[in-house]
Amino acid sequence: METLTIHVVLAGQTGVGKSSLVNMIMGVEDSSLGGAQVSNDVRPCTENTTPYKAVFGGNDLQWQLWDTRGLDEALDGATFMEKAVSWLRGSQCERELKNVCGARTSNVDRGQAMPLLIWCIRASKITVPVHWQQFCKAYVNYCGRKVKPVVVITQMNPKSEITLGWKEKCEEQLRKLGLTSLTGNLDDLLVSVRTHDGPSTTEYKEDSQAVRGLISRVGSA
């Protein structure tokens, strides 16, 4: 049986954990094992869109992961020069994301398997509209809705109040943007990844299984 390749674009703001998520999906610990380079702070560690391959969900299924450059939030209180540099970098990153999304969806109408768009948002930011507005722009404008969206909430702390009703909070943001078609079954859209102390922890293994399971379920549907 011929191997089916499904493209997966990972996007979100700088420092949200996209590269760490790439490694979690691939099942590797770090870049020395062929994974993505990660950083422990909010500085960007992905300077250019980088492809990675992952195999799971069946021997006839292969995932082409695209780790994109991180987007930036508005710099409140920053100097004019800092805002100018941030705007320039942000414009470049958005243009690159638009090109990546366009390239991945260009052949969908000609029978290519529909790609996945994995949008990452920090748990502490799920009630901040700009993160969802960026997701909406990528999903609607850049991808033309020709992708299967998945939203990964990263850096989830089970002891934080934000975990209470987090899916409902996400649903509220989607409804505000008119994306009610995505709220039919939140379990096929949303998944969370907790903070952890490394790939050997129980939390990491459970979250890895949950993320891969959702990608496999949605992507192969």
N, C-alpha and C. Protein backbone atom coordinates (compact mmCIF):
# COMPACT_ATOMS: atom_id res chain seq x y z
N MET A 1 0.84 -1.19 0.00
CA MET A 1 0.00 0.00 0.00
C MET A 1 0.88 1.25 0.00
N GLU A 2 0.53 2.23 -0.83
CA GLU A 2 1.31 3.46 -0.93
C GLU A 2 1.17 4.29 0.34
N THR A 3 2.28 4.88 0.77
CA THR A 3 2.28 5.70 1.97
C THR A 3 1.62 7.04 1.68
N LEU A 4 0.68 7.44 2.53
CA LEU A 4 -0.01 8.71 2.39
C LEU A 4 0.70 9.74 3.27
N THR A 5 1.10 10.86 2.67
CA THR A 5 1.74 11.94 3.41
C THR A 5 0.74 13.06 3.66
N ILE A 6 0.59 13.43 4.91
CA ILE A 6 -0.29 14.54 5.29
C ILE A 6 0.56 15.66 5.86
N HIS A 7 0.39 16.84 5.33
CA HIS A 7 1.16 18.00 5.78
C HIS A 7 0.51 18.61 7.02
N VAL A 8 1.37 19.02 7.96
CA VAL A 8 0.91 19.60 9.22
C VAL A 8 1.70 20.88 9.47
N VAL A 9 1.01 22.01 9.50
CA VAL A 9 1.65 23.30 9.75
C VAL A 9 1.43 23.69 11.21
N LEU A 10 2.53 23.90 11.94
CA LEU A 10 2.45 24.33 13.33
C LEU A 10 2.75 25.81 13.40
N ALA A 11 1.86 26.57 14.04
CA ALA A 11 2.00 28.02 14.08
C ALA A 11 1.54 28.56 15.43
N GLY A 12 1.92 29.80 15.69
CA GLY A 12 1.58 30.45 16.95
C GLY A 12 2.64 31.46 17.30
N GLN A 13 2.52 32.06 18.46
CA GLN A 13 3.44 33.12 18.82
C GLN A 13 4.78 32.59 19.32
N THR A 14 5.77 33.46 19.31
CA THR A 14 7.11 33.12 19.75
C THR A 14 7.10 32.62 21.20
N GLY A 15 7.80 31.51 21.44
CA GLY A 15 7.91 30.98 22.80
C GLY A 15 6.74 30.16 23.27
N VAL A 16 5.78 29.89 22.38
CA VAL A 16 4.60 29.14 22.79
C VAL A 16 4.87 27.64 22.92
N GLY A 17 5.97 27.17 22.30
CA GLY A 17 6.33 25.76 22.42
C GLY A 17 6.10 24.94 21.17
N LYS A 18 6.13 25.57 20.00
CA LYS A 18 5.90 24.84 18.76
C LYS A 18 6.98 23.79 18.51
N SER A 19 8.24 24.18 18.71
CA SER A 19 9.34 23.26 18.45
C SER A 19 9.33 22.09 19.44
N SER A 20 8.98 22.37 20.68
CA SER A 20 8.84 21.30 21.67
C SER A 20 7.71 20.36 21.27
N LEU A 21 6.65 20.93 20.72
CA LEU A 21 5.53 20.11 20.27
C LEU A 21 5.92 19.24 19.08
N VAL A 22 6.75 19.79 18.19
CA VAL A 22 7.26 19.00 17.06
C VAL A 22 7.99 17.76 17.59
N ASN A 23 8.85 17.94 18.57
CA ASN A 23 9.58 16.81 19.14
C ASN A 23 8.66 15.82 19.83
N MET A 24 7.64 16.33 20.50
CA MET A 24 6.67 15.45 21.15
C MET A 24 5.93 14.60 20.12
N ILE A 25 5.56 15.23 19.01
CA ILE A 25 4.85 14.50 17.94
C ILE A 25 5.77 13.47 17.30
N MET A 26 7.04 13.84 17.08
CA MET A 26 7.99 12.94 16.45
C MET A 26 8.42 11.81 17.38
N GLY A 27 8.32 12.05 18.70
CA GLY A 27 8.74 11.05 19.65
C GLY A 27 10.24 11.07 19.90
N VAL A 28 10.86 12.26 19.76
CA VAL A 28 12.29 12.42 20.03
C VAL A 28 12.47 13.47 21.12
N GLU A 29 13.64 13.44 21.76
CA GLU A 29 13.87 14.34 22.88
C GLU A 29 14.42 15.70 22.48
N ASP A 30 15.30 15.73 21.47
CA ASP A 30 15.91 17.00 21.11
C ASP A 30 16.47 16.94 19.69
N SER A 31 17.16 18.02 19.31
CA SER A 31 17.67 18.15 17.94
C SER A 31 18.78 17.14 17.64
N SER A 32 19.45 16.61 18.66
CA SER A 32 20.52 15.65 18.42
C SER A 32 19.98 14.33 17.87
N LEU A 33 18.68 14.12 18.03
CA LEU A 33 18.04 12.90 17.54
C LEU A 33 17.18 13.18 16.31
N GLY A 34 17.46 14.31 15.67
CA GLY A 34 16.73 14.65 14.45
C GLY A 34 15.53 15.53 14.67
N GLY A 35 15.30 15.94 15.91
CA GLY A 35 14.16 16.79 16.23
C GLY A 35 14.48 18.27 16.07
N ALA A 36 13.57 19.10 16.57
CA ALA A 36 13.72 20.55 16.46
C ALA A 36 14.53 21.09 17.63
N GLN A 37 15.24 22.16 17.38
CA GLN A 37 15.96 22.85 18.46
C GLN A 37 14.96 23.64 19.28
N VAL A 38 15.07 23.54 20.60
CA VAL A 38 14.12 24.22 21.48
C VAL A 38 14.86 25.20 22.38
N SER A 39 14.08 26.14 22.95
CA SER A 39 14.63 27.15 23.84
C SER A 39 13.79 27.18 25.10
N ASN A 40 14.42 27.52 26.22
CA ASN A 40 13.70 27.58 27.49
C ASN A 40 13.18 28.98 27.81
N ASP A 41 13.33 29.93 26.88
CA ASP A 41 12.81 31.27 27.11
C ASP A 41 11.92 31.67 25.94
N VAL A 42 11.54 32.94 25.89
CA VAL A 42 10.58 33.39 24.88
C VAL A 42 11.27 33.88 23.60
N ARG A 43 12.59 33.77 23.53
CA ARG A 43 13.27 34.15 22.31
C ARG A 43 13.03 33.11 21.23
N PRO A 44 12.93 33.55 19.96
CA PRO A 44 12.66 32.59 18.88
C PRO A 44 13.81 31.63 18.66
N CYS A 45 13.50 30.34 18.54
CA CYS A 45 14.55 29.36 18.23
C CYS A 45 14.35 28.79 16.83
N THR A 46 13.25 29.15 16.16
CA THR A 46 13.02 28.74 14.78
C THR A 46 13.11 29.98 13.90
N GLU A 47 14.21 30.12 13.16
CA GLU A 47 14.44 31.31 12.35
C GLU A 47 13.85 31.18 10.95
N ASN A 48 13.61 29.96 10.50
CA ASN A 48 13.02 29.72 9.20
C ASN A 48 12.10 28.51 9.30
N THR A 49 11.07 28.49 8.48
CA THR A 49 10.18 27.33 8.46
C THR A 49 10.99 26.08 8.16
N THR A 50 10.84 25.07 9.03
CA THR A 50 11.67 23.87 8.94
C THR A 50 10.79 22.62 8.88
N PRO A 51 11.03 21.72 7.93
CA PRO A 51 10.24 20.50 7.81
C PRO A 51 10.82 19.35 8.64
N TYR A 52 9.92 18.53 9.17
CA TYR A 52 10.30 17.31 9.90
C TYR A 52 9.31 16.22 9.51
N LYS A 53 9.76 14.98 9.59
CA LYS A 53 8.88 13.85 9.27
C LYS A 53 8.57 13.06 10.53
N ALA A 54 7.33 12.60 10.63
CA ALA A 54 6.91 11.75 11.74
C ALA A 54 6.07 10.62 11.19
N VAL A 55 6.20 9.45 11.79
CA VAL A 55 5.42 8.29 11.36
C VAL A 55 4.69 7.72 12.57
N PHE A 56 3.39 7.74 12.53
CA PHE A 56 2.55 7.11 13.56
C PHE A 56 1.13 7.03 13.02
N GLY A 57 0.31 6.26 13.69
CA GLY A 57 -1.07 6.12 13.25
C GLY A 57 -1.26 5.11 12.14
N GLY A 58 -0.24 4.30 11.88
CA GLY A 58 -0.33 3.30 10.83
C GLY A 58 0.88 3.36 9.93
N ASN A 59 1.33 2.23 9.44
CA ASN A 59 2.54 2.18 8.61
C ASN A 59 2.34 2.84 7.25
N ASP A 60 1.10 3.02 6.82
CA ASP A 60 0.82 3.63 5.53
C ASP A 60 0.57 5.12 5.64
N LEU A 61 0.91 5.71 6.79
CA LEU A 61 0.63 7.11 7.04
C LEU A 61 1.90 7.82 7.50
N GLN A 62 2.22 8.94 6.85
CA GLN A 62 3.39 9.73 7.21
C GLN A 62 2.99 11.19 7.34
N TRP A 63 3.55 11.86 8.35
CA TRP A 63 3.22 13.25 8.62
C TRP A 63 4.40 14.14 8.29
N GLN A 64 4.17 15.14 7.47
CA GLN A 64 5.20 16.13 7.16
C GLN A 64 4.91 17.37 8.01
N LEU A 65 5.73 17.56 9.06
CA LEU A 65 5.53 18.66 9.98
C LEU A 65 6.29 19.89 9.49
N TRP A 66 5.64 21.06 9.60
CA TRP A 66 6.27 22.32 9.21
C TRP A 66 6.29 23.24 10.44
N ASP A 67 7.48 23.39 11.02
CA ASP A 67 7.66 24.24 12.20
C ASP A 67 7.92 25.67 11.72
N THR A 68 6.99 26.58 11.97
CA THR A 68 7.09 27.92 11.43
C THR A 68 7.67 28.92 12.44
N ARG A 69 8.07 30.06 11.95
CA ARG A 69 8.59 31.12 12.81
C ARG A 69 7.47 31.67 13.69
N GLY A 70 7.84 32.05 14.91
CA GLY A 70 6.84 32.54 15.85
C GLY A 70 6.41 33.96 15.56
N LEU A 71 5.12 34.22 15.77
CA LEU A 71 4.57 35.56 15.64
C LEU A 71 4.78 36.31 16.95
N ASP A 72 4.63 37.61 16.92
CA ASP A 72 4.85 38.44 18.11
C ASP A 72 3.57 39.14 18.54
N GLU A 73 3.47 39.40 19.84
CA GLU A 73 2.40 40.23 20.37
C GLU A 73 2.78 41.70 20.24
N ALA A 74 1.78 42.58 20.41
CA ALA A 74 2.06 44.00 20.41
C ALA A 74 2.95 44.34 21.61
N LEU A 75 3.88 45.27 21.41
CA LEU A 75 4.81 45.64 22.46
C LEU A 75 4.31 46.89 23.19
N ASP A 76 3.47 46.71 24.18
CA ASP A 76 2.98 47.84 24.96
C ASP A 76 4.12 48.48 25.75
N GLY A 77 4.25 49.79 25.65
CA GLY A 77 5.27 50.49 26.41
C GLY A 77 6.65 50.44 25.79
N ALA A 78 6.78 49.85 24.60
CA ALA A 78 8.09 49.76 23.95
C ALA A 78 8.44 51.08 23.27
N THR A 79 9.73 51.26 22.98
CA THR A 79 10.17 52.44 22.27
C THR A 79 9.75 52.36 20.81
N PHE A 80 9.84 53.48 20.11
CA PHE A 80 9.48 53.51 18.70
C PHE A 80 10.33 52.52 17.91
N MET A 81 11.64 52.49 18.19
CA MET A 81 12.53 51.60 17.45
C MET A 81 12.19 50.13 17.72
N GLU A 82 11.88 49.81 18.98
CA GLU A 82 11.51 48.43 19.32
C GLU A 82 10.23 48.03 18.60
N LYS A 83 9.27 48.95 18.54
CA LYS A 83 8.02 48.65 17.84
C LYS A 83 8.25 48.50 16.34
N ALA A 84 9.16 49.34 15.79
CA ALA A 84 9.45 49.25 14.36
C ALA A 84 10.09 47.92 14.00
N VAL A 85 11.05 47.49 14.81
CA VAL A 85 11.74 46.21 14.58
C VAL A 85 10.74 45.06 14.72
N SER A 86 9.89 45.14 15.75
CA SER A 86 8.89 44.10 15.98
C SER A 86 7.90 44.03 14.83
N TRP A 87 7.49 45.21 14.33
CA TRP A 87 6.54 45.25 13.21
C TRP A 87 7.15 44.63 11.96
N LEU A 88 8.43 44.96 11.70
CA LEU A 88 9.11 44.43 10.52
C LEU A 88 9.23 42.92 10.62
N ARG A 89 9.66 42.42 11.77
CA ARG A 89 9.81 40.98 11.95
C ARG A 89 8.44 40.30 11.86
N GLY A 90 7.44 40.93 12.49
CA GLY A 90 6.10 40.35 12.47
C GLY A 90 5.54 40.25 11.06
N SER A 91 5.80 41.29 10.25
CA SER A 91 5.34 41.27 8.86
C SER A 91 6.01 40.15 8.09
N GLN A 92 7.31 39.96 8.31
CA GLN A 92 8.04 38.89 7.63
C GLN A 92 7.50 37.52 8.03
N CYS A 93 7.25 37.35 9.34
CA CYS A 93 6.76 36.06 9.82
C CYS A 93 5.37 35.76 9.29
N GLU A 94 4.51 36.77 9.26
CA GLU A 94 3.15 36.57 8.75
C GLU A 94 3.19 36.25 7.26
N ARG A 95 4.05 36.94 6.52
CA ARG A 95 4.17 36.67 5.09
C ARG A 95 4.67 35.26 4.84
N GLU A 96 5.63 34.82 5.67
CA GLU A 96 6.16 33.47 5.53
C GLU A 96 5.08 32.43 5.87
N LEU A 97 4.31 32.69 6.93
CA LEU A 97 3.24 31.77 7.30
C LEU A 97 2.19 31.70 6.20
N LYS A 98 1.85 32.85 5.63
CA LYS A 98 0.88 32.87 4.54
C LYS A 98 1.37 32.04 3.37
N ASN A 99 2.66 32.15 3.03
CA ASN A 99 3.22 31.38 1.92
C ASN A 99 3.22 29.88 2.22
N VAL A 100 3.57 29.53 3.46
CA VAL A 100 3.59 28.11 3.85
C VAL A 100 2.19 27.52 3.76
N CYS A 101 1.21 28.25 4.28
CA CYS A 101 -0.18 27.77 4.24
C CYS A 101 -0.67 27.66 2.81
N GLY A 102 -0.35 28.67 1.99
CA GLY A 102 -0.78 28.64 0.60
C GLY A 102 -0.19 27.47 -0.17
N ALA A 103 1.09 27.19 0.08
CA ALA A 103 1.75 26.08 -0.61
C ALA A 103 1.16 24.73 -0.20
N ARG A 104 0.79 24.61 1.07
CA ARG A 104 0.27 23.33 1.55
C ARG A 104 -1.17 23.07 1.09
N THR A 105 -1.91 24.13 0.81
CA THR A 105 -3.33 23.97 0.46
C THR A 105 -3.59 24.13 -1.04
N SER A 106 -2.56 24.41 -1.82
CA SER A 106 -2.76 24.73 -3.23
C SER A 106 -3.34 23.58 -4.04
N ASN A 107 -3.08 22.35 -3.63
CA ASN A 107 -3.54 21.20 -4.42
C ASN A 107 -4.70 20.43 -3.77
N VAL A 108 -5.29 20.99 -2.74
CA VAL A 108 -6.39 20.30 -2.06
C VAL A 108 -7.57 20.06 -3.01
N ASP A 109 -7.87 21.04 -3.85
CA ASP A 109 -9.00 20.91 -4.78
C ASP A 109 -8.72 19.89 -5.88
N ARG A 110 -7.44 19.46 -5.99
CA ARG A 110 -7.08 18.48 -7.02
C ARG A 110 -6.81 17.11 -6.43
N GLY A 111 -7.35 16.89 -5.22
CA GLY A 111 -7.30 15.55 -4.64
C GLY A 111 -6.24 15.32 -3.60
N GLN A 112 -5.41 16.32 -3.30
CA GLN A 112 -4.40 16.13 -2.27
C GLN A 112 -5.07 16.05 -0.91
N ALA A 113 -4.51 15.21 -0.03
CA ALA A 113 -5.06 15.09 1.32
C ALA A 113 -5.07 16.45 2.00
N MET A 114 -6.15 16.76 2.70
CA MET A 114 -6.27 18.05 3.36
C MET A 114 -5.26 18.17 4.50
N PRO A 115 -4.46 19.23 4.51
CA PRO A 115 -3.45 19.40 5.56
C PRO A 115 -4.10 19.72 6.91
N LEU A 116 -3.27 19.69 7.96
CA LEU A 116 -3.69 20.12 9.29
C LEU A 116 -3.01 21.44 9.60
N LEU A 117 -3.73 22.31 10.29
CA LEU A 117 -3.16 23.52 10.86
C LEU A 117 -3.21 23.36 12.37
N ILE A 118 -2.04 23.27 13.00
CA ILE A 118 -1.99 23.17 14.45
C ILE A 118 -1.62 24.55 15.00
N TRP A 119 -2.56 25.18 15.68
CA TRP A 119 -2.33 26.50 16.24
C TRP A 119 -2.07 26.36 17.73
N CYS A 120 -0.98 26.93 18.20
CA CYS A 120 -0.57 26.81 19.60
C CYS A 120 -0.83 28.10 20.36
N ILE A 121 -1.42 27.98 21.54
CA ILE A 121 -1.70 29.12 22.41
C ILE A 121 -1.32 28.74 23.83
N ARG A 122 -0.60 29.64 24.52
CA ARG A 122 -0.29 29.39 25.92
C ARG A 122 -1.56 29.38 26.75
N ALA A 123 -1.57 28.53 27.76
CA ALA A 123 -2.74 28.43 28.63
C ALA A 123 -3.08 29.78 29.26
N SER A 124 -2.06 30.55 29.62
CA SER A 124 -2.29 31.84 30.26
C SER A 124 -2.87 32.89 29.31
N LYS A 125 -2.93 32.56 28.00
CA LYS A 125 -3.38 33.53 27.00
C LYS A 125 -4.70 33.15 26.32
N ILE A 126 -5.38 32.12 26.80
CA ILE A 126 -6.55 31.64 26.07
C ILE A 126 -7.73 32.62 26.09
N THR A 127 -7.70 33.59 26.99
CA THR A 127 -8.76 34.58 27.01
C THR A 127 -8.33 35.89 26.35
N VAL A 128 -7.14 35.91 25.72
CA VAL A 128 -6.63 37.11 25.04
C VAL A 128 -7.03 37.04 23.57
N PRO A 129 -7.88 37.94 23.10
CA PRO A 129 -8.43 37.83 21.74
C PRO A 129 -7.41 37.78 20.62
N VAL A 130 -6.27 38.49 20.74
CA VAL A 130 -5.34 38.57 19.62
C VAL A 130 -4.83 37.21 19.18
N HIS A 131 -4.68 36.29 20.12
CA HIS A 131 -4.18 34.96 19.78
C HIS A 131 -5.19 34.20 18.91
N TRP A 132 -6.46 34.40 19.20
CA TRP A 132 -7.51 33.75 18.43
C TRP A 132 -7.74 34.48 17.11
N GLN A 133 -7.54 35.79 17.09
CA GLN A 133 -7.64 36.55 15.86
C GLN A 133 -6.57 36.11 14.87
N GLN A 134 -5.36 35.85 15.38
CA GLN A 134 -4.29 35.36 14.51
C GLN A 134 -4.63 33.97 13.97
N PHE A 135 -5.19 33.12 14.83
CA PHE A 135 -5.62 31.79 14.38
C PHE A 135 -6.66 31.92 13.29
N CYS A 136 -7.63 32.82 13.49
CA CYS A 136 -8.70 33.02 12.50
C CYS A 136 -8.12 33.49 11.18
N LYS A 137 -7.16 34.42 11.23
CA LYS A 137 -6.54 34.92 10.01
C LYS A 137 -5.83 33.80 9.26
N ALA A 138 -5.10 32.97 9.99
CA ALA A 138 -4.38 31.87 9.35
C ALA A 138 -5.35 30.86 8.76
N TYR A 139 -6.37 30.48 9.53
CA TYR A 139 -7.32 29.45 9.10
C TYR A 139 -8.18 29.93 7.93
N VAL A 140 -8.71 31.15 8.04
CA VAL A 140 -9.66 31.65 7.03
C VAL A 140 -8.94 32.30 5.86
N ASN A 141 -8.03 33.25 6.15
CA ASN A 141 -7.41 34.03 5.08
C ASN A 141 -6.25 33.32 4.41
N TYR A 142 -5.35 32.74 5.22
CA TYR A 142 -4.16 32.12 4.64
C TYR A 142 -4.44 30.73 4.08
N CYS A 143 -5.29 29.98 4.77
CA CYS A 143 -5.57 28.60 4.36
C CYS A 143 -6.89 28.44 3.61
N GLY A 144 -7.70 29.48 3.58
CA GLY A 144 -8.97 29.40 2.88
C GLY A 144 -9.87 28.31 3.41
N ARG A 145 -9.72 27.97 4.69
CA ARG A 145 -10.48 26.89 5.36
C ARG A 145 -10.20 25.53 4.74
N LYS A 146 -9.14 25.41 3.94
CA LYS A 146 -8.81 24.14 3.29
C LYS A 146 -7.83 23.33 4.14
N VAL A 147 -7.98 23.41 5.43
CA VAL A 147 -7.17 22.64 6.38
C VAL A 147 -8.08 22.12 7.47
N LYS A 148 -7.59 21.11 8.16
CA LYS A 148 -8.29 20.63 9.36
C LYS A 148 -7.59 21.26 10.56
N PRO A 149 -8.29 22.13 11.29
CA PRO A 149 -7.62 22.84 12.38
C PRO A 149 -7.58 22.05 13.68
N VAL A 150 -6.49 22.23 14.40
CA VAL A 150 -6.31 21.69 15.75
C VAL A 150 -5.69 22.80 16.58
N VAL A 151 -6.22 23.05 17.76
CA VAL A 151 -5.66 24.06 18.66
C VAL A 151 -5.05 23.35 19.86
N VAL A 152 -3.75 23.57 20.06
CA VAL A 152 -3.04 22.97 21.19
C VAL A 152 -2.78 24.06 22.23
N ILE A 153 -3.32 23.86 23.42
CA ILE A 153 -3.08 24.78 24.53
C ILE A 153 -1.85 24.29 25.27
N THR A 154 -0.78 25.08 25.24
CA THR A 154 0.50 24.66 25.81
C THR A 154 0.72 25.24 27.20
N GLN A 155 1.71 24.67 27.88
CA GLN A 155 2.14 25.17 29.19
C GLN A 155 0.97 25.22 30.19
N MET A 156 0.15 24.18 30.13
CA MET A 156 -1.00 24.08 31.03
C MET A 156 -0.54 23.65 32.42
N ASN A 157 -0.91 24.42 33.42
CA ASN A 157 -0.61 24.10 34.81
C ASN A 157 -1.89 23.63 35.49
N PRO A 158 -1.98 22.34 35.83
CA PRO A 158 -3.22 21.82 36.43
C PRO A 158 -3.63 22.53 37.71
N LYS A 159 -2.69 23.20 38.37
CA LYS A 159 -3.00 23.88 39.62
C LYS A 159 -3.48 25.32 39.41
N SER A 160 -3.45 25.77 38.18
CA SER A 160 -3.85 27.15 37.88
C SER A 160 -5.36 27.24 37.67
N GLU A 161 -5.92 28.38 38.01
CA GLU A 161 -7.36 28.59 37.84
C GLU A 161 -7.75 28.58 36.37
N ILE A 162 -6.79 28.85 35.48
CA ILE A 162 -7.11 28.91 34.06
C ILE A 162 -7.56 27.56 33.53
N THR A 163 -7.21 26.48 34.23
CA THR A 163 -7.59 25.15 33.77
C THR A 163 -9.08 24.88 34.00
N LEU A 164 -9.69 25.66 34.87
CA LEU A 164 -11.11 25.47 35.14
C LEU A 164 -11.93 25.96 33.95
N GLY A 165 -12.62 25.04 33.30
CA GLY A 165 -13.45 25.41 32.15
C GLY A 165 -12.67 25.95 30.97
N TRP A 166 -11.44 25.43 30.76
CA TRP A 166 -10.62 25.99 29.69
C TRP A 166 -11.21 25.74 28.30
N LYS A 167 -11.87 24.63 28.11
CA LYS A 167 -12.48 24.38 26.80
C LYS A 167 -13.61 25.34 26.52
N GLU A 168 -14.40 25.65 27.55
CA GLU A 168 -15.48 26.60 27.38
C GLU A 168 -14.95 27.99 27.07
N LYS A 169 -13.81 28.35 27.67
CA LYS A 169 -13.19 29.64 27.39
C LYS A 169 -12.72 29.72 25.94
N CYS A 170 -12.16 28.63 25.46
CA CYS A 170 -11.74 28.57 24.06
C CYS A 170 -12.94 28.66 23.13
N GLU A 171 -13.99 27.96 23.47
CA GLU A 171 -15.21 27.98 22.66
C GLU A 171 -15.78 29.39 22.57
N GLU A 172 -15.74 30.12 23.68
CA GLU A 172 -16.24 31.49 23.69
C GLU A 172 -15.47 32.37 22.70
N GLN A 173 -14.15 32.22 22.67
CA GLN A 173 -13.33 33.01 21.75
C GLN A 173 -13.64 32.65 20.29
N LEU A 174 -13.86 31.39 20.02
CA LEU A 174 -14.19 30.95 18.66
C LEU A 174 -15.54 31.52 18.21
N ARG A 175 -16.49 31.52 19.10
CA ARG A 175 -17.82 32.05 18.78
C ARG A 175 -17.77 33.56 18.52
N LYS A 176 -16.95 34.27 19.27
CA LYS A 176 -16.80 35.71 19.07
C LYS A 176 -16.27 36.03 17.68
N LEU A 177 -15.48 35.11 17.12
CA LEU A 177 -14.91 35.30 15.79
C LEU A 177 -15.79 34.72 14.69
N GLY A 178 -16.93 34.19 15.06
CA GLY A 178 -17.84 33.61 14.08
C GLY A 178 -17.45 32.23 13.59
N LEU A 179 -16.54 31.57 14.32
CA LEU A 179 -16.07 30.23 13.94
C LEU A 179 -16.89 29.16 14.64
N THR A 180 -18.20 29.32 14.60
CA THR A 180 -19.08 28.38 15.31
C THR A 180 -19.06 26.99 14.69
N SER A 181 -18.66 26.90 13.42
CA SER A 181 -18.61 25.58 12.76
C SER A 181 -17.54 24.69 13.39
N LEU A 182 -16.59 25.29 14.12
CA LEU A 182 -15.51 24.52 14.73
C LEU A 182 -15.85 24.05 16.14
N THR A 183 -16.99 24.48 16.66
CA THR A 183 -17.31 24.20 18.06
C THR A 183 -18.24 23.00 18.22
N GLY A 184 -18.53 22.30 17.12
CA GLY A 184 -19.45 21.18 17.22
C GLY A 184 -18.95 20.07 18.13
N ASN A 185 -17.69 19.70 18.00
CA ASN A 185 -17.09 18.69 18.86
C ASN A 185 -15.71 19.17 19.27
N LEU A 186 -15.63 19.79 20.44
CA LEU A 186 -14.38 20.39 20.89
C LEU A 186 -13.28 19.36 21.10
N ASP A 187 -13.66 18.11 21.34
CA ASP A 187 -12.65 17.07 21.54
C ASP A 187 -11.90 16.74 20.25
N ASP A 188 -12.46 17.14 19.10
CA ASP A 188 -11.78 16.96 17.83
C ASP A 188 -11.09 18.24 17.37
N LEU A 189 -11.02 19.22 18.25
CA LEU A 189 -10.36 20.48 17.93
C LEU A 189 -9.30 20.86 18.95
N LEU A 190 -9.59 20.64 20.23
CA LEU A 190 -8.74 21.14 21.30
C LEU A 190 -8.02 20.02 22.05
N VAL A 191 -6.76 20.29 22.39
CA VAL A 191 -6.01 19.38 23.24
C VAL A 191 -5.01 20.24 24.03
N SER A 192 -4.70 19.83 25.24
CA SER A 192 -3.79 20.61 26.07
C SER A 192 -2.51 19.82 26.36
N VAL A 193 -1.43 20.57 26.56
CA VAL A 193 -0.14 19.99 26.92
C VAL A 193 0.32 20.65 28.21
N ARG A 194 0.59 19.84 29.21
CA ARG A 194 0.97 20.37 30.51
C ARG A 194 2.45 20.76 30.57
N THR A 195 2.78 21.57 31.57
CA THR A 195 4.20 21.79 31.88
C THR A 195 4.75 20.48 32.44
N HIS A 196 6.01 20.18 32.16
CA HIS A 196 6.57 18.90 32.58
C HIS A 196 8.07 19.04 32.79
N ASP A 197 8.67 18.03 33.36
CA ASP A 197 10.10 18.04 33.67
C ASP A 197 10.92 17.19 32.71
N GLY A 198 10.34 16.84 31.58
CA GLY A 198 11.12 16.08 30.61
C GLY A 198 10.33 14.94 30.00
N PRO A 199 10.84 14.39 28.88
CA PRO A 199 10.15 13.33 28.14
C PRO A 199 9.92 12.04 28.92
N SER A 200 10.64 11.85 30.02
CA SER A 200 10.50 10.60 30.77
C SER A 200 9.35 10.65 31.77
N THR A 201 8.74 11.81 31.94
CA THR A 201 7.68 11.95 32.94
C THR A 201 6.36 11.37 32.44
N THR A 202 5.52 10.99 33.38
CA THR A 202 4.21 10.44 33.04
C THR A 202 3.37 11.47 32.30
N GLU A 203 3.44 12.73 32.74
CA GLU A 203 2.65 13.79 32.12
C GLU A 203 3.02 13.96 30.65
N TYR A 204 4.31 13.93 30.37
CA TYR A 204 4.77 14.09 28.99
C TYR A 204 4.27 12.94 28.12
N LYS A 205 4.40 11.73 28.61
CA LYS A 205 3.97 10.57 27.83
C LYS A 205 2.46 10.58 27.58
N GLU A 206 1.70 10.96 28.59
CA GLU A 206 0.24 11.03 28.43
C GLU A 206 -0.14 12.10 27.43
N ASP A 207 0.50 13.27 27.54
CA ASP A 207 0.18 14.37 26.62
C ASP A 207 0.61 14.04 25.20
N SER A 208 1.76 13.39 25.06
CA SER A 208 2.23 12.98 23.74
C SER A 208 1.22 12.05 23.08
N GLN A 209 0.73 11.10 23.84
CA GLN A 209 -0.26 10.16 23.31
C GLN A 209 -1.55 10.89 22.92
N ALA A 210 -1.96 11.87 23.74
CA ALA A 210 -3.18 12.61 23.46
C ALA A 210 -3.04 13.46 22.19
N VAL A 211 -1.90 14.13 22.03
CA VAL A 211 -1.68 14.97 20.86
C VAL A 211 -1.61 14.14 19.60
N ARG A 212 -0.83 13.07 19.64
CA ARG A 212 -0.71 12.21 18.46
C ARG A 212 -2.05 11.55 18.12
N GLY A 213 -2.79 11.18 19.16
CA GLY A 213 -4.09 10.56 18.92
C GLY A 213 -5.04 11.51 18.22
N LEU A 214 -5.06 12.79 18.65
CA LEU A 214 -5.95 13.76 18.02
C LEU A 214 -5.52 14.04 16.59
N ILE A 215 -4.22 14.21 16.37
CA ILE A 215 -3.74 14.45 15.02
C ILE A 215 -4.10 13.29 14.09
N SER A 216 -3.87 12.07 14.58
CA SER A 216 -4.17 10.88 13.77
C SER A 216 -5.66 10.78 13.48
N ARG A 217 -6.46 11.04 14.50
CA ARG A 217 -7.92 10.93 14.35
C ARG A 217 -8.47 11.97 13.37
N VAL A 218 -8.03 13.22 13.55
CA VAL A 218 -8.53 14.30 12.69
C VAL A 218 -7.92 14.22 11.29
N GLY A 219 -6.61 13.96 11.24
CA GLY A 219 -5.93 13.97 9.94
C GLY A 219 -6.35 12.86 9.01
N SER A 220 -6.64 11.70 9.56
CA SER A 220 -6.99 10.56 8.71
C SER A 220 -8.49 10.41 8.50
N ALA A 221 -9.27 11.30 9.07
CA ALA A 221 -10.74 11.22 8.93
C ALA A 221 -11.18 11.56 7.50
